[in-house]
Amino acid sequence: MGTCTFCRWIAYTDRTQFIGIIGDRIFLLNYWGVKLFARANSAITVFKFIILGATILSLILTGFHSENFGTSSSFAPYGWSAVLTAVGSRANPATCSLT
């Protein structure tokens, strides 16, 4: 089988120039594509931070109650020692059904 009809009329130097031009076009397409996606990524990142900020702000504005930060809290009615004792104790391996 011979070479393709398109390549038959192209001389060796013309063929290398043709391949060089195609390579340059592919390089430029990749270069511009990376620049475009970098800009798009920056825009998407800014959009994500705006949504995050709007979510935090709306939750603070709709659900913030200053009385939750007072001294009269029912979280630990017996003091922090009871909480720390519960955290520090471990289950007895002989009676624990999870082991």
Protein backbone atom coordinates (compact mmCIF):
# COMPACT_ATOMS: atom_id res chain seq x y z
CA MET A 1 0.00 0.00 0.00
CA GLY A 2 1.20 3.47 -0.76
CA THR A 3 1.01 6.60 1.30
CA CYS A 4 -2.21 8.57 1.57
CA THR A 5 -3.13 10.87 -1.28
CA PHE A 6 -2.92 13.93 0.96
CA CYS A 7 0.66 13.18 2.03
CA ARG A 8 1.86 12.16 -1.44
CA TRP A 9 2.06 15.72 -2.79
CA ILE A 10 3.69 17.18 0.32
CA ALA A 11 7.47 17.13 0.17
CA TYR A 12 9.53 16.23 3.23
CA THR A 13 10.25 19.84 4.21
CA ASP A 14 6.66 20.86 3.64
CA ARG A 15 5.53 17.90 5.73
CA THR A 16 7.74 18.92 8.65
CA GLN A 17 6.50 22.49 8.40
CA PHE A 18 2.93 21.21 8.34
CA ILE A 19 3.58 19.09 11.45
CA GLY A 20 5.24 22.08 13.14
CA ILE A 21 2.23 24.29 12.41
CA ILE A 22 -0.15 21.67 13.80
CA GLY A 23 2.06 21.33 16.91
CA ASP A 24 2.06 25.10 17.39
CA ARG A 25 -1.72 25.22 17.11
CA ILE A 26 -2.10 22.44 19.67
CA PHE A 27 0.33 24.23 22.01
CA LEU A 28 -1.59 27.52 21.72
CA LEU A 29 -4.92 25.76 22.25
CA ASN A 30 -3.59 24.14 25.43
CA TYR A 31 -2.02 27.42 26.60
CA TRP A 32 -5.22 29.39 26.14
CA GLY A 33 -7.27 26.57 27.64
CA VAL A 34 -5.17 26.58 30.81
CA LYS A 35 -5.50 30.37 31.09
CA LEU A 36 -9.26 30.13 30.58
CA PHE A 37 -9.71 27.40 33.17
CA ALA A 38 -7.52 29.29 35.65
CA ARG A 39 -9.80 32.32 35.32
CA ALA A 40 -12.89 30.14 35.58
CA ASN A 41 -11.48 28.42 38.67
CA SER A 42 -10.83 31.80 40.30
CA ALA A 43 -14.36 32.95 39.54
CA ILE A 44 -15.85 29.73 40.91
CA THR A 45 -13.74 30.04 44.07
CA VAL A 46 -14.93 33.62 44.65
CA PHE A 47 -18.52 32.48 44.08
CA LYS A 48 -18.09 29.67 46.63
CA PHE A 49 -16.72 32.09 49.24
CA ILE A 50 -19.62 34.48 48.60
CA ILE A 51 -22.13 31.66 49.12
CA LEU A 52 -20.31 30.53 52.27
CA GLY A 53 -20.27 34.07 53.67
CA ALA A 54 -23.94 34.59 52.84
CA THR A 55 -24.83 31.32 54.55
CA ILE A 56 -22.87 32.19 57.70
CA LEU A 57 -24.33 35.69 57.78
CA SER A 58 -27.91 34.47 57.32
CA LEU A 59 -27.52 31.83 60.04
CA ILE A 60 -26.11 34.42 62.43
CA LEU A 61 -28.86 36.92 61.65
CA THR A 62 -31.71 34.42 61.95
CA GLY A 63 -30.52 32.17 64.77
CA PHE A 64 -28.27 34.22 67.03
CA HIS A 65 -29.59 34.58 70.56
CA SER A 66 -27.36 36.40 73.02
CA GLU A 67 -28.99 34.68 75.99
CA ASN A 68 -27.32 31.42 74.89
CA PHE A 69 -23.98 32.89 75.91
CA GLY A 70 -24.91 33.87 79.47
CA THR A 71 -23.87 32.22 82.72
CA SER A 72 -27.25 30.58 83.26
CA SER A 73 -26.74 27.51 81.12
CA SER A 74 -28.30 24.11 81.63
CA PHE A 75 -25.55 22.31 79.70
CA ALA A 76 -23.62 21.22 82.75
CA PRO A 77 -25.92 21.66 85.77
CA TYR A 78 -23.53 19.77 88.09
CA GLY A 79 -20.43 21.60 86.89
CA TRP A 80 -17.58 20.73 84.58
CA SER A 81 -16.14 18.09 86.89
CA ALA A 82 -19.04 15.75 86.05
CA VAL A 83 -18.45 16.26 82.33
CA LEU A 84 -14.72 15.65 82.59
CA THR A 85 -15.29 12.57 84.76
CA ALA A 86 -17.61 11.11 82.13
CA VAL A 87 -15.10 11.83 79.37
CA GLY A 88 -12.18 10.41 81.35
CA SER A 89 -13.83 7.14 82.37
CA ARG A 90 -13.63 4.17 80.06
CA ALA A 91 -15.94 1.22 79.73
CA ASN A 92 -15.09 -1.98 81.56
CA PRO A 93 -13.98 -4.50 78.90
CA ALA A 94 -15.55 -7.37 80.84
CA THR A 95 -19.02 -5.82 80.79
CA CYS A 96 -18.88 -3.94 77.47
CA SER A 97 -20.80 -5.72 74.71
CA LEU A 98 -19.05 -3.82 71.91
CA THR A 99 -15.65 -5.48 72.37
